[in-house]
Amino acid sequence: MGLVLNYKINGIIIRSENAAKPYTMPSNYLCNYIESSIKSGRALDFGCGKLRYSEQLVNKFETVTFLDSRKQLERVQIIRGVQTTIPEYVANNYKNANAVPFESIDKITNHYDFILCANVLSAIPCKSTIYKVISAIRDLLKSDGEAMIVNQYKSSYFKKYESGIKHLHGYIYQNSRNASYYGLLDEIIVSKICLDNNLVIIKSWRKAGSSYVVVGKNKHI
C-alpha cells in the first residue's frame, strides 16, 4: 500500500509533498496537547512531513516512529537548519525513534498507544487514499490506544485557494509553476470518515481554525 504524493486530477498534476510545513510553523495548541497527553509508550507520527512535531513526541513518548511516503522521507531537504533526509536526521538526533516509509507499512509489527495525523488528510485529493490512511491508523492502534487527527477547516489564511477548482473537501489551485490541493475538513467530516472505517469517536472539537478528532478502537478508553 503506497501513499501517493503525485495525484492526477482531471489532467492536473498535484504534488502533495509541497503541503508539508516546517518545524517553525507548529500549532502551539497541538504542542501543548501532546505534552499534556495522559498517553505514554509508543507513538506514531503518521505523515510526519518535515518533523513539525518531532520534539514534542520524542520528549513525551518512550519510542516514536515517523512515517511518510518514501519520496518524502528520502528527498534531501532542510530540517532544523540541516540539509539532510528524514531518516538521517532521526538517526542522528533521536535515540529511540525510527523512520518508516508508508510503502513498507505492512512490515510494522508494533501497535501504538498514540498516533498523530496532523494536516495529512487535507493534503490528499483522493477519497480512496484518505480511507487507506484511516484504515491503516486503525490497524496500527493498540486496543486502548488513541489517534489524534487534525485538519484545518477554515481557509482564512488561504483565500486565494477558493478561486481554484472545487474538488472533494476543498480546492485545487494552480499558479504558473504548479498545482496544489487544499482540503477543508471539519470535525463532522473527519468523524464520518473515521466511523466509516470502524473507529470510535472519543471526542471532537474546533480550535482556531483547526478541527480535532480523537479516535480509538473501543468506546471505553
N, C-alpha and C. Protein backbone atom coordinates (compact mmCIF):
# COMPACT_ATOMS: atom_id res chain seq x y z
N MET A 1 0.84 -1.19 0.00
CA MET A 1 0.00 0.00 0.00
C MET A 1 0.88 1.24 0.00
N GLY A 2 0.66 2.17 -0.94
CA GLY A 2 1.52 3.33 -1.04
C GLY A 2 0.77 4.63 -0.89
N LEU A 3 1.35 5.58 -0.21
CA LEU A 3 0.78 6.91 -0.08
C LEU A 3 1.24 7.74 -1.27
N VAL A 4 0.35 7.99 -2.20
CA VAL A 4 0.71 8.69 -3.43
C VAL A 4 0.97 10.16 -3.14
N LEU A 5 2.08 10.67 -3.63
CA LEU A 5 2.37 12.09 -3.45
C LEU A 5 2.04 12.89 -4.70
N ASN A 6 2.06 12.27 -5.84
CA ASN A 6 1.67 12.93 -7.08
C ASN A 6 0.31 12.39 -7.52
N TYR A 7 -0.66 13.25 -7.55
CA TYR A 7 -2.01 12.87 -7.95
C TYR A 7 -2.34 13.54 -9.28
N LYS A 8 -3.09 12.83 -10.10
CA LYS A 8 -3.56 13.41 -11.35
C LYS A 8 -5.07 13.52 -11.29
N ILE A 9 -5.56 14.75 -11.18
CA ILE A 9 -6.99 15.02 -11.05
C ILE A 9 -7.44 15.82 -12.25
N ASN A 10 -8.28 15.22 -13.07
CA ASN A 10 -8.78 15.90 -14.28
C ASN A 10 -7.64 16.48 -15.12
N GLY A 11 -6.55 15.69 -15.23
CA GLY A 11 -5.42 16.11 -16.05
C GLY A 11 -4.44 17.03 -15.35
N ILE A 12 -4.73 17.40 -14.10
CA ILE A 12 -3.88 18.32 -13.33
C ILE A 12 -3.00 17.51 -12.39
N ILE A 13 -1.68 17.71 -12.43
CA ILE A 13 -0.75 17.02 -11.54
C ILE A 13 -0.62 17.81 -10.24
N ILE A 14 -0.90 17.14 -9.13
CA ILE A 14 -0.81 17.77 -7.81
C ILE A 14 0.26 17.06 -7.01
N ARG A 15 1.23 17.82 -6.52
CA ARG A 15 2.31 17.27 -5.70
C ARG A 15 2.01 17.59 -4.24
N SER A 16 1.51 16.60 -3.51
CA SER A 16 1.07 16.86 -2.14
C SER A 16 2.22 17.04 -1.16
N GLU A 17 3.43 16.63 -1.51
CA GLU A 17 4.55 16.84 -0.58
C GLU A 17 4.84 18.32 -0.36
N ASN A 18 4.38 19.15 -1.29
CA ASN A 18 4.59 20.60 -1.14
C ASN A 18 3.78 21.18 0.01
N ALA A 19 2.82 20.41 0.53
CA ALA A 19 1.97 20.91 1.61
C ALA A 19 2.63 20.81 2.98
N ALA A 20 3.74 20.07 3.09
CA ALA A 20 4.39 19.88 4.39
C ALA A 20 4.95 21.20 4.92
N LYS A 21 4.57 21.52 6.17
CA LYS A 21 5.04 22.76 6.78
C LYS A 21 6.29 22.49 7.62
N PRO A 22 7.17 23.49 7.77
CA PRO A 22 8.41 23.29 8.53
C PRO A 22 8.16 23.31 10.04
N TYR A 23 9.18 22.91 10.80
CA TYR A 23 9.06 22.86 12.25
C TYR A 23 8.82 24.23 12.86
N THR A 24 9.16 25.29 12.10
CA THR A 24 8.97 26.65 12.61
C THR A 24 7.51 27.08 12.59
N MET A 25 6.62 26.22 12.05
CA MET A 25 5.21 26.58 11.97
C MET A 25 4.32 25.55 12.67
N PRO A 26 4.63 25.22 13.93
CA PRO A 26 3.77 24.27 14.64
C PRO A 26 2.55 24.98 15.22
N SER A 27 1.57 24.21 15.59
CA SER A 27 0.44 24.73 16.35
C SER A 27 0.79 24.64 17.83
N ASN A 28 0.88 25.77 18.50
CA ASN A 28 1.20 25.74 19.93
C ASN A 28 0.15 24.97 20.71
N TYR A 29 -1.10 25.08 20.26
CA TYR A 29 -2.18 24.35 20.92
C TYR A 29 -1.96 22.85 20.83
N LEU A 30 -1.57 22.37 19.64
CA LEU A 30 -1.32 20.94 19.46
C LEU A 30 -0.07 20.51 20.21
N CYS A 31 0.95 21.35 20.22
CA CYS A 31 2.16 21.04 21.00
C CYS A 31 1.80 20.81 22.47
N ASN A 32 0.97 21.70 23.01
CA ASN A 32 0.57 21.58 24.42
C ASN A 32 -0.29 20.34 24.64
N TYR A 33 -1.11 20.00 23.65
CA TYR A 33 -1.95 18.80 23.78
C TYR A 33 -1.07 17.55 23.87
N ILE A 34 -0.07 17.46 23.00
CA ILE A 34 0.82 16.30 23.01
C ILE A 34 1.56 16.21 24.35
N GLU A 35 2.08 17.34 24.79
CA GLU A 35 2.87 17.36 26.02
C GLU A 35 2.04 17.01 27.25
N SER A 36 0.74 17.32 27.24
CA SER A 36 -0.12 17.06 28.40
C SER A 36 -0.92 15.78 28.27
N SER A 37 -0.72 15.02 27.20
CA SER A 37 -1.47 13.78 26.99
C SER A 37 -1.21 12.78 28.11
N ILE A 38 -2.25 12.05 28.49
CA ILE A 38 -2.09 11.03 29.52
C ILE A 38 -1.48 9.76 28.93
N LYS A 39 -1.38 9.71 27.61
CA LYS A 39 -0.81 8.55 26.95
C LYS A 39 0.71 8.54 27.08
N SER A 40 1.27 7.33 27.06
CA SER A 40 2.73 7.17 27.08
C SER A 40 3.04 5.90 26.31
N GLY A 41 4.31 5.57 26.20
CA GLY A 41 4.69 4.35 25.50
C GLY A 41 5.11 4.61 24.07
N ARG A 42 4.43 3.95 23.13
CA ARG A 42 4.80 4.06 21.71
C ARG A 42 3.94 5.09 20.99
N ALA A 43 4.57 5.92 20.15
CA ALA A 43 3.84 6.91 19.37
C ALA A 43 4.23 6.80 17.90
N LEU A 44 3.29 7.15 17.05
CA LEU A 44 3.50 7.16 15.60
C LEU A 44 3.08 8.51 15.05
N ASP A 45 3.97 9.14 14.30
CA ASP A 45 3.64 10.37 13.59
C ASP A 45 3.32 9.99 12.15
N PHE A 46 2.03 9.88 11.86
CA PHE A 46 1.56 9.38 10.57
C PHE A 46 1.47 10.54 9.59
N GLY A 47 2.42 10.58 8.65
CA GLY A 47 2.53 11.72 7.74
C GLY A 47 3.36 12.81 8.40
N CYS A 48 4.58 12.43 8.78
CA CYS A 48 5.42 13.31 9.62
C CYS A 48 5.93 14.54 8.89
N GLY A 49 5.89 14.52 7.55
CA GLY A 49 6.32 15.70 6.80
C GLY A 49 7.75 16.09 7.11
N LYS A 50 7.92 17.33 7.59
CA LYS A 50 9.24 17.86 7.92
C LYS A 50 9.52 17.84 9.42
N LEU A 51 8.92 16.87 10.11
CA LEU A 51 9.14 16.67 11.55
C LEU A 51 8.68 17.87 12.38
N ARG A 52 7.51 18.36 12.03
CA ARG A 52 6.96 19.55 12.67
C ARG A 52 6.73 19.35 14.18
N TYR A 53 6.36 18.12 14.59
CA TYR A 53 6.06 17.86 16.00
C TYR A 53 6.98 16.81 16.61
N SER A 54 8.13 16.62 16.01
CA SER A 54 9.02 15.55 16.46
C SER A 54 9.56 15.78 17.87
N GLU A 55 9.89 17.01 18.20
CA GLU A 55 10.46 17.28 19.53
C GLU A 55 9.47 16.95 20.63
N GLN A 56 8.22 17.36 20.43
CA GLN A 56 7.19 17.09 21.44
C GLN A 56 6.97 15.57 21.60
N LEU A 57 6.96 14.86 20.47
CA LEU A 57 6.71 13.43 20.51
C LEU A 57 7.84 12.66 21.17
N VAL A 58 9.09 12.95 20.80
CA VAL A 58 10.21 12.19 21.37
C VAL A 58 10.42 12.52 22.84
N ASN A 59 10.04 13.71 23.25
CA ASN A 59 10.17 14.09 24.66
C ASN A 59 9.07 13.47 25.52
N LYS A 60 7.95 13.14 24.90
CA LYS A 60 6.80 12.62 25.64
C LYS A 60 6.76 11.10 25.68
N PHE A 61 7.13 10.45 24.57
CA PHE A 61 6.93 9.01 24.45
C PHE A 61 8.24 8.24 24.49
N GLU A 62 8.15 6.97 24.87
CA GLU A 62 9.34 6.14 25.01
C GLU A 62 9.98 5.84 23.65
N THR A 63 9.15 5.54 22.67
CA THR A 63 9.64 5.30 21.31
C THR A 63 8.70 5.98 20.32
N VAL A 64 9.26 6.45 19.22
CA VAL A 64 8.46 7.16 18.21
C VAL A 64 8.83 6.65 16.82
N THR A 65 7.82 6.41 16.01
CA THR A 65 8.02 6.08 14.60
C THR A 65 7.51 7.24 13.76
N PHE A 66 8.35 7.68 12.84
CA PHE A 66 7.97 8.74 11.90
C PHE A 66 7.69 8.10 10.55
N LEU A 67 6.48 8.30 10.05
CA LEU A 67 6.05 7.63 8.83
C LEU A 67 5.59 8.64 7.78
N ASP A 68 6.08 8.46 6.58
CA ASP A 68 5.61 9.26 5.43
C ASP A 68 5.96 8.46 4.17
N SER A 69 5.64 9.02 3.02
CA SER A 69 5.98 8.32 1.78
C SER A 69 7.50 8.22 1.63
N ARG A 70 7.94 7.24 0.90
CA ARG A 70 9.37 7.07 0.66
C ARG A 70 9.96 8.33 0.02
N LYS A 71 9.23 8.92 -0.89
CA LYS A 71 9.73 10.12 -1.57
C LYS A 71 9.94 11.26 -0.59
N GLN A 72 9.00 11.44 0.34
CA GLN A 72 9.12 12.50 1.33
C GLN A 72 10.27 12.21 2.30
N LEU A 73 10.43 10.96 2.68
CA LEU A 73 11.48 10.62 3.64
C LEU A 73 12.87 10.73 3.04
N GLU A 74 13.02 10.32 1.80
CA GLU A 74 14.36 10.19 1.23
C GLU A 74 14.84 11.41 0.47
N ARG A 75 13.97 12.36 0.19
CA ARG A 75 14.45 13.55 -0.53
C ARG A 75 15.28 14.42 0.41
N VAL A 76 16.33 15.02 -0.12
CA VAL A 76 17.18 15.90 0.67
C VAL A 76 16.47 17.23 0.85
N GLN A 77 16.36 17.67 2.11
CA GLN A 77 15.66 18.90 2.42
C GLN A 77 16.28 19.52 3.66
N ILE A 78 15.83 20.70 4.01
CA ILE A 78 16.35 21.38 5.20
C ILE A 78 15.46 21.04 6.39
N ILE A 79 16.04 20.35 7.38
CA ILE A 79 15.34 20.00 8.61
C ILE A 79 16.07 20.66 9.78
N ARG A 80 15.42 21.60 10.42
CA ARG A 80 16.00 22.34 11.54
C ARG A 80 17.40 22.87 11.21
N GLY A 81 17.49 23.47 10.05
CA GLY A 81 18.72 24.10 9.63
C GLY A 81 19.77 23.18 9.05
N VAL A 82 19.45 21.89 8.94
CA VAL A 82 20.41 20.91 8.44
C VAL A 82 19.93 20.35 7.11
N GLN A 83 20.83 20.31 6.12
CA GLN A 83 20.49 19.68 4.84
C GLN A 83 20.65 18.18 4.99
N THR A 84 19.54 17.47 4.94
CA THR A 84 19.57 16.05 5.28
C THR A 84 18.31 15.37 4.76
N THR A 85 18.15 14.10 5.12
CA THR A 85 16.90 13.38 4.86
C THR A 85 16.24 13.09 6.21
N ILE A 86 14.97 12.74 6.19
CA ILE A 86 14.27 12.45 7.44
C ILE A 86 14.92 11.27 8.19
N PRO A 87 15.17 10.12 7.54
CA PRO A 87 15.79 9.01 8.28
C PRO A 87 17.15 9.37 8.87
N GLU A 88 17.94 10.12 8.12
CA GLU A 88 19.26 10.52 8.60
C GLU A 88 19.14 11.44 9.80
N TYR A 89 18.21 12.39 9.73
CA TYR A 89 18.03 13.33 10.85
C TYR A 89 17.55 12.59 12.09
N VAL A 90 16.59 11.70 11.91
CA VAL A 90 16.06 10.93 13.04
C VAL A 90 17.16 10.09 13.68
N ALA A 91 17.96 9.40 12.86
CA ALA A 91 19.02 8.54 13.38
C ALA A 91 20.08 9.33 14.14
N ASN A 92 20.35 10.55 13.69
CA ASN A 92 21.41 11.37 14.28
C ASN A 92 20.96 12.16 15.51
N ASN A 93 19.63 12.29 15.70
CA ASN A 93 19.16 13.20 16.75
C ASN A 93 18.23 12.56 17.78
N TYR A 94 17.62 11.45 17.46
CA TYR A 94 16.66 10.84 18.38
C TYR A 94 17.04 9.39 18.67
N LYS A 95 17.29 9.09 19.94
CA LYS A 95 17.76 7.75 20.32
C LYS A 95 16.73 6.66 20.05
N ASN A 96 15.53 6.86 20.54
CA ASN A 96 14.52 5.82 20.49
C ASN A 96 13.45 6.11 19.44
N ALA A 97 13.90 6.39 18.22
CA ALA A 97 12.97 6.71 17.14
C ALA A 97 13.47 6.11 15.84
N ASN A 98 12.54 5.92 14.91
CA ASN A 98 12.92 5.43 13.59
C ASN A 98 11.97 6.02 12.55
N ALA A 99 12.36 5.92 11.31
CA ALA A 99 11.55 6.43 10.20
C ALA A 99 11.20 5.26 9.28
N VAL A 100 9.93 5.18 8.89
CA VAL A 100 9.45 4.09 8.05
C VAL A 100 8.65 4.66 6.89
N PRO A 101 8.93 4.21 5.66
CA PRO A 101 8.12 4.68 4.52
C PRO A 101 6.74 4.04 4.52
N PHE A 102 5.77 4.80 4.09
CA PHE A 102 4.39 4.30 4.02
C PHE A 102 4.31 3.05 3.16
N GLU A 103 5.16 2.99 2.15
CA GLU A 103 5.17 1.83 1.26
C GLU A 103 5.54 0.54 1.99
N SER A 104 6.18 0.65 3.17
CA SER A 104 6.57 -0.52 3.97
C SER A 104 5.74 -0.66 5.23
N ILE A 105 4.58 -0.03 5.25
CA ILE A 105 3.77 -0.01 6.47
C ILE A 105 3.36 -1.41 6.92
N ASP A 106 3.21 -2.33 5.98
CA ASP A 106 2.82 -3.69 6.33
C ASP A 106 3.89 -4.43 7.13
N LYS A 107 5.12 -3.89 7.13
CA LYS A 107 6.22 -4.52 7.86
C LYS A 107 6.28 -4.06 9.31
N ILE A 108 5.48 -3.07 9.67
CA ILE A 108 5.46 -2.60 11.05
C ILE A 108 4.75 -3.64 11.91
N THR A 109 5.42 -4.13 12.92
CA THR A 109 4.84 -5.15 13.80
C THR A 109 4.34 -4.56 15.12
N ASN A 110 4.73 -3.33 15.41
CA ASN A 110 4.30 -2.70 16.65
C ASN A 110 2.87 -2.15 16.53
N HIS A 111 2.23 -2.01 17.69
CA HIS A 111 0.99 -1.26 17.78
C HIS A 111 1.24 -0.08 18.71
N TYR A 112 0.47 0.98 18.53
CA TYR A 112 0.83 2.25 19.15
C TYR A 112 -0.20 2.73 20.16
N ASP A 113 0.33 3.36 21.22
CA ASP A 113 -0.51 3.97 22.24
C ASP A 113 -1.10 5.29 21.75
N PHE A 114 -0.34 5.98 20.90
CA PHE A 114 -0.78 7.29 20.41
C PHE A 114 -0.33 7.46 18.97
N ILE A 115 -1.26 7.88 18.13
CA ILE A 115 -0.93 8.19 16.73
C ILE A 115 -1.35 9.61 16.43
N LEU A 116 -0.43 10.38 15.89
CA LEU A 116 -0.72 11.75 15.45
C LEU A 116 -0.83 11.76 13.94
N CYS A 117 -1.91 12.35 13.44
CA CYS A 117 -2.09 12.51 12.00
C CYS A 117 -2.51 13.97 11.78
N ALA A 118 -1.52 14.83 11.63
CA ALA A 118 -1.75 16.28 11.60
C ALA A 118 -1.62 16.85 10.19
N ASN A 119 -2.71 17.43 9.71
CA ASN A 119 -2.74 18.09 8.40
C ASN A 119 -2.29 17.17 7.27
N VAL A 120 -2.73 15.93 7.36
CA VAL A 120 -2.43 14.94 6.33
C VAL A 120 -3.61 14.78 5.38
N LEU A 121 -4.79 14.55 5.94
CA LEU A 121 -5.98 14.32 5.11
C LEU A 121 -6.28 15.52 4.22
N SER A 122 -5.99 16.71 4.72
CA SER A 122 -6.30 17.93 3.96
C SER A 122 -5.40 18.11 2.74
N ALA A 123 -4.33 17.31 2.66
CA ALA A 123 -3.42 17.39 1.51
C ALA A 123 -3.67 16.29 0.50
N ILE A 124 -4.67 15.43 0.78
CA ILE A 124 -4.94 14.28 -0.09
C ILE A 124 -6.21 14.53 -0.90
N PRO A 125 -6.11 14.66 -2.21
CA PRO A 125 -7.28 14.97 -3.04
C PRO A 125 -8.01 13.73 -3.56
N CYS A 126 -7.86 12.62 -2.85
CA CYS A 126 -8.37 11.34 -3.33
C CYS A 126 -9.05 10.61 -2.18
N LYS A 127 -10.34 10.32 -2.31
CA LYS A 127 -11.11 9.69 -1.23
C LYS A 127 -10.54 8.32 -0.86
N SER A 128 -10.18 7.51 -1.85
CA SER A 128 -9.70 6.15 -1.55
C SER A 128 -8.41 6.18 -0.75
N THR A 129 -7.53 7.16 -1.03
CA THR A 129 -6.28 7.26 -0.28
C THR A 129 -6.53 7.73 1.15
N ILE A 130 -7.47 8.66 1.31
CA ILE A 130 -7.85 9.10 2.66
C ILE A 130 -8.34 7.91 3.48
N TYR A 131 -9.16 7.06 2.87
CA TYR A 131 -9.69 5.90 3.57
C TYR A 131 -8.59 4.89 3.88
N LYS A 132 -7.61 4.76 2.99
CA LYS A 132 -6.47 3.88 3.26
C LYS A 132 -5.69 4.36 4.48
N VAL A 133 -5.50 5.67 4.59
CA VAL A 133 -4.77 6.23 5.72
C VAL A 133 -5.51 5.93 7.03
N ILE A 134 -6.81 6.20 7.06
CA ILE A 134 -7.57 5.99 8.29
C ILE A 134 -7.64 4.51 8.65
N SER A 135 -7.79 3.66 7.64
CA SER A 135 -7.80 2.21 7.88
C SER A 135 -6.47 1.74 8.46
N ALA A 136 -5.38 2.30 7.94
CA ALA A 136 -4.05 1.93 8.45
C ALA A 136 -3.88 2.40 9.88
N ILE A 137 -4.38 3.58 10.21
CA ILE A 137 -4.31 4.08 11.59
C ILE A 137 -5.04 3.12 12.53
N ARG A 138 -6.20 2.67 12.11
CA ARG A 138 -6.94 1.72 12.95
C ARG A 138 -6.13 0.43 13.16
N ASP A 139 -5.53 -0.07 12.11
CA ASP A 139 -4.76 -1.31 12.20
C ASP A 139 -3.57 -1.17 13.13
N LEU A 140 -3.00 0.03 13.23
CA LEU A 140 -1.77 0.23 14.00
C LEU A 140 -2.02 0.64 15.44
N LEU A 141 -3.25 0.94 15.79
CA LEU A 141 -3.57 1.33 17.17
C LEU A 141 -3.62 0.12 18.09
N LYS A 142 -3.15 0.31 19.32
CA LYS A 142 -3.42 -0.68 20.35
C LYS A 142 -4.91 -0.66 20.69
N SER A 143 -5.36 -1.70 21.33
CA SER A 143 -6.79 -1.78 21.66
C SER A 143 -7.24 -0.62 22.55
N ASP A 144 -6.34 -0.10 23.37
CA ASP A 144 -6.67 1.04 24.23
C ASP A 144 -5.95 2.31 23.79
N GLY A 145 -5.41 2.30 22.57
CA GLY A 145 -4.70 3.48 22.07
C GLY A 145 -5.65 4.53 21.53
N GLU A 146 -5.11 5.68 21.24
CA GLU A 146 -5.92 6.74 20.64
C GLU A 146 -5.13 7.45 19.56
N ALA A 147 -5.86 7.95 18.57
CA ALA A 147 -5.25 8.73 17.50
C ALA A 147 -5.86 10.12 17.48
N MET A 148 -5.01 11.10 17.28
CA MET A 148 -5.44 12.48 17.16
C MET A 148 -5.33 12.89 15.70
N ILE A 149 -6.46 13.24 15.09
CA ILE A 149 -6.49 13.62 13.68
C ILE A 149 -6.83 15.10 13.59
N VAL A 150 -5.90 15.86 13.03
CA VAL A 150 -6.02 17.32 12.99
C VAL A 150 -6.06 17.81 11.55
N ASN A 151 -6.97 18.73 11.27
CA ASN A 151 -7.04 19.34 9.94
C ASN A 151 -7.54 20.77 10.06
N GLN A 152 -7.17 21.59 9.11
CA GLN A 152 -7.74 22.92 9.05
C GLN A 152 -9.12 22.82 8.40
N TYR A 153 -10.06 23.61 8.90
CA TYR A 153 -11.39 23.60 8.31
C TYR A 153 -11.81 24.99 7.80
N LYS A 154 -10.96 25.96 8.03
CA LYS A 154 -11.22 27.31 7.53
C LYS A 154 -10.06 27.74 6.65
N SER A 155 -10.36 28.49 5.59
CA SER A 155 -9.30 28.90 4.66
C SER A 155 -8.99 30.39 4.78
N SER A 156 -9.15 30.93 5.97
CA SER A 156 -8.97 32.37 6.15
C SER A 156 -7.56 32.83 5.78
N TYR A 157 -6.57 31.94 5.94
CA TYR A 157 -5.20 32.30 5.59
C TYR A 157 -4.86 31.99 4.13
N PHE A 158 -5.77 31.32 3.46
CA PHE A 158 -5.50 30.88 2.10
C PHE A 158 -6.68 31.21 1.18
N LYS A 159 -7.15 32.45 1.24
CA LYS A 159 -8.31 32.84 0.45
C LYS A 159 -8.11 32.63 -1.04
N LYS A 160 -6.86 32.70 -1.50
CA LYS A 160 -6.59 32.51 -2.92
C LYS A 160 -7.04 31.14 -3.40
N TYR A 161 -7.00 30.14 -2.49
CA TYR A 161 -7.37 28.79 -2.90
C TYR A 161 -8.83 28.71 -3.32
N GLU A 162 -9.67 29.54 -2.74
CA GLU A 162 -11.09 29.48 -3.05
C GLU A 162 -11.39 29.98 -4.46
N SER A 163 -10.40 30.55 -5.11
CA SER A 163 -10.57 30.94 -6.51
C SER A 163 -10.26 29.77 -7.43
N GLY A 164 -9.84 28.65 -6.84
CA GLY A 164 -9.48 27.48 -7.62
C GLY A 164 -10.69 26.61 -7.95
N ILE A 165 -10.40 25.37 -8.34
CA ILE A 165 -11.43 24.42 -8.75
C ILE A 165 -11.91 23.65 -7.52
N LYS A 166 -13.21 23.65 -7.27
CA LYS A 166 -13.76 22.90 -6.14
C LYS A 166 -13.56 21.41 -6.38
N HIS A 167 -13.00 20.73 -5.38
CA HIS A 167 -12.74 19.29 -5.52
C HIS A 167 -12.77 18.62 -4.15
N LEU A 168 -13.51 17.52 -4.04
CA LEU A 168 -13.60 16.72 -2.83
C LEU A 168 -13.94 17.61 -1.63
N HIS A 169 -13.01 17.77 -0.69
CA HIS A 169 -13.27 18.57 0.51
C HIS A 169 -12.69 19.99 0.42
N GLY A 170 -12.16 20.36 -0.74
CA GLY A 170 -11.52 21.68 -0.82
C GLY A 170 -11.39 22.17 -2.24
N TYR A 171 -10.19 22.66 -2.56
CA TYR A 171 -9.95 23.33 -3.84
C TYR A 171 -8.61 22.93 -4.43
N ILE A 172 -8.58 22.87 -5.76
CA ILE A 172 -7.32 22.73 -6.49
C ILE A 172 -6.94 24.10 -7.01
N TYR A 173 -5.75 24.53 -6.63
CA TYR A 173 -5.29 25.87 -7.03
C TYR A 173 -4.06 25.75 -7.90
N GLN A 174 -4.06 26.45 -9.02
CA GLN A 174 -2.94 26.44 -9.95
C GLN A 174 -2.32 27.82 -10.06
N ASN A 175 -0.99 27.84 -10.07
CA ASN A 175 -0.29 29.08 -10.42
C ASN A 175 0.60 28.79 -11.62
N SER A 176 1.52 29.66 -11.92
CA SER A 176 2.34 29.49 -13.12
C SER A 176 3.31 28.33 -13.02
N ARG A 177 3.59 27.85 -11.79
CA ARG A 177 4.60 26.81 -11.60
C ARG A 177 4.01 25.43 -11.33
N ASN A 178 2.99 25.35 -10.52
CA ASN A 178 2.45 24.03 -10.16
C ASN A 178 1.01 24.15 -9.68
N ALA A 179 0.49 23.02 -9.27
CA ALA A 179 -0.87 22.96 -8.74
C ALA A 179 -0.85 22.32 -7.36
N SER A 180 -1.73 22.75 -6.49
CA SER A 180 -1.81 22.20 -5.15
C SER A 180 -3.27 22.04 -4.74
N TYR A 181 -3.48 21.15 -3.79
CA TYR A 181 -4.82 20.90 -3.27
C TYR A 181 -4.88 21.33 -1.82
N TYR A 182 -5.95 21.98 -1.45
CA TYR A 182 -6.13 22.44 -0.07
C TYR A 182 -7.50 21.99 0.40
N GLY A 183 -7.53 20.98 1.26
CA GLY A 183 -8.79 20.46 1.76
C GLY A 183 -9.21 21.13 3.05
N LEU A 184 -10.50 21.27 3.23
CA LEU A 184 -11.07 21.86 4.45
C LEU A 184 -11.95 20.79 5.10
N LEU A 185 -11.48 20.24 6.21
CA LEU A 185 -12.19 19.14 6.84
C LEU A 185 -12.53 19.49 8.29
N ASP A 186 -13.81 19.74 8.55
CA ASP A 186 -14.20 20.00 9.93
C ASP A 186 -14.35 18.68 10.67
N GLU A 187 -14.66 18.77 11.95
CA GLU A 187 -14.71 17.56 12.77
C GLU A 187 -15.87 16.64 12.37
N ILE A 188 -16.89 17.17 11.76
CA ILE A 188 -18.02 16.33 11.32
C ILE A 188 -17.60 15.46 10.14
N ILE A 189 -16.90 16.05 9.18
CA ILE A 189 -16.41 15.29 8.02
C ILE A 189 -15.41 14.22 8.46
N VAL A 190 -14.46 14.60 9.31
CA VAL A 190 -13.44 13.65 9.75
C VAL A 190 -14.06 12.53 10.58
N SER A 191 -15.02 12.88 11.43
CA SER A 191 -15.68 11.85 12.25
C SER A 191 -16.38 10.82 11.37
N LYS A 192 -17.04 11.27 10.31
CA LYS A 192 -17.73 10.35 9.41
C LYS A 192 -16.74 9.41 8.73
N ILE A 193 -15.61 9.95 8.28
CA ILE A 193 -14.58 9.12 7.64
C ILE A 193 -14.09 8.06 8.62
N CYS A 194 -13.87 8.45 9.87
CA CYS A 194 -13.39 7.51 10.87
C CYS A 194 -14.44 6.45 11.20
N LEU A 195 -15.69 6.85 11.31
CA LEU A 195 -16.76 5.90 11.58
C LEU A 195 -16.90 4.90 10.43
N ASP A 196 -16.72 5.39 9.21
CA ASP A 196 -16.78 4.51 8.04
C ASP A 196 -15.70 3.43 8.08
N ASN A 197 -14.63 3.72 8.83
CA ASN A 197 -13.51 2.78 8.93
C ASN A 197 -13.45 2.10 10.30
N ASN A 198 -14.61 2.02 10.96
CA ASN A 198 -14.77 1.25 12.20
C ASN A 198 -13.93 1.77 13.36
N LEU A 199 -13.74 3.08 13.40
CA LEU A 199 -13.12 3.70 14.56
C LEU A 199 -14.21 4.34 15.42
N VAL A 200 -13.92 4.45 16.71
CA VAL A 200 -14.86 5.06 17.65
C VAL A 200 -14.42 6.49 17.93
N ILE A 201 -15.36 7.42 17.88
CA ILE A 201 -15.05 8.82 18.18
C ILE A 201 -15.04 9.00 19.69
N ILE A 202 -13.90 9.37 20.23
CA ILE A 202 -13.78 9.62 21.67
C ILE A 202 -14.20 11.05 21.98
N LYS A 203 -13.71 11.99 21.20
CA LYS A 203 -14.12 13.39 21.35
C LYS A 203 -13.71 14.15 20.10
N SER A 204 -14.37 15.27 19.89
CA SER A 204 -14.03 16.12 18.74
C SER A 204 -14.38 17.56 19.06
N TRP A 205 -13.61 18.49 18.46
CA TRP A 205 -13.84 19.91 18.73
C TRP A 205 -13.12 20.76 17.68
N ARG A 206 -13.33 22.07 17.77
CA ARG A 206 -12.67 23.03 16.90
C ARG A 206 -11.88 24.03 17.75
N LYS A 207 -10.80 24.49 17.19
CA LYS A 207 -9.99 25.49 17.88
C LYS A 207 -9.16 26.27 16.86
N ALA A 208 -9.37 27.56 16.80
CA ALA A 208 -8.54 28.46 15.99
C ALA A 208 -8.39 28.00 14.54
N GLY A 209 -9.49 27.63 13.92
CA GLY A 209 -9.46 27.28 12.51
C GLY A 209 -9.10 25.84 12.20
N SER A 210 -8.82 25.04 13.24
CA SER A 210 -8.50 23.63 13.03
C SER A 210 -9.53 22.73 13.70
N SER A 211 -9.74 21.56 13.12
CA SER A 211 -10.62 20.57 13.73
C SER A 211 -9.78 19.47 14.36
N TYR A 212 -10.25 18.97 15.48
CA TYR A 212 -9.55 17.94 16.24
C TYR A 212 -10.51 16.78 16.49
N VAL A 213 -10.09 15.58 16.11
CA VAL A 213 -10.90 14.39 16.33
C VAL A 213 -10.00 13.32 16.96
N VAL A 214 -10.39 12.87 18.14
CA VAL A 214 -9.65 11.81 18.83
C VAL A 214 -10.45 10.52 18.70
N VAL A 215 -9.79 9.49 18.20
CA VAL A 215 -10.47 8.22 17.94
C VAL A 215 -9.74 7.05 18.58
N GLY A 216 -10.47 5.97 18.74
CA GLY A 216 -9.88 4.73 19.26
C GLY A 216 -10.62 3.53 18.70
N LYS A 217 -10.23 2.36 19.15
CA LYS A 217 -10.88 1.13 18.69
C LYS A 217 -12.08 0.77 19.56
N ASN A 218 -12.05 1.20 20.81
CA ASN A 218 -13.10 0.83 21.75
C ASN A 218 -13.74 2.06 22.36
N LYS A 219 -14.94 1.90 22.87
CA LYS A 219 -15.69 3.04 23.42
C LYS A 219 -15.11 3.51 24.74
N HIS A 220 -14.60 2.60 25.55
CA HIS A 220 -14.14 2.98 26.88
C HIS A 220 -12.62 2.90 26.90
N ILE A 221 -11.97 4.08 26.87
CA ILE A 221 -10.51 4.15 26.85
C ILE A 221 -10.03 4.98 28.03
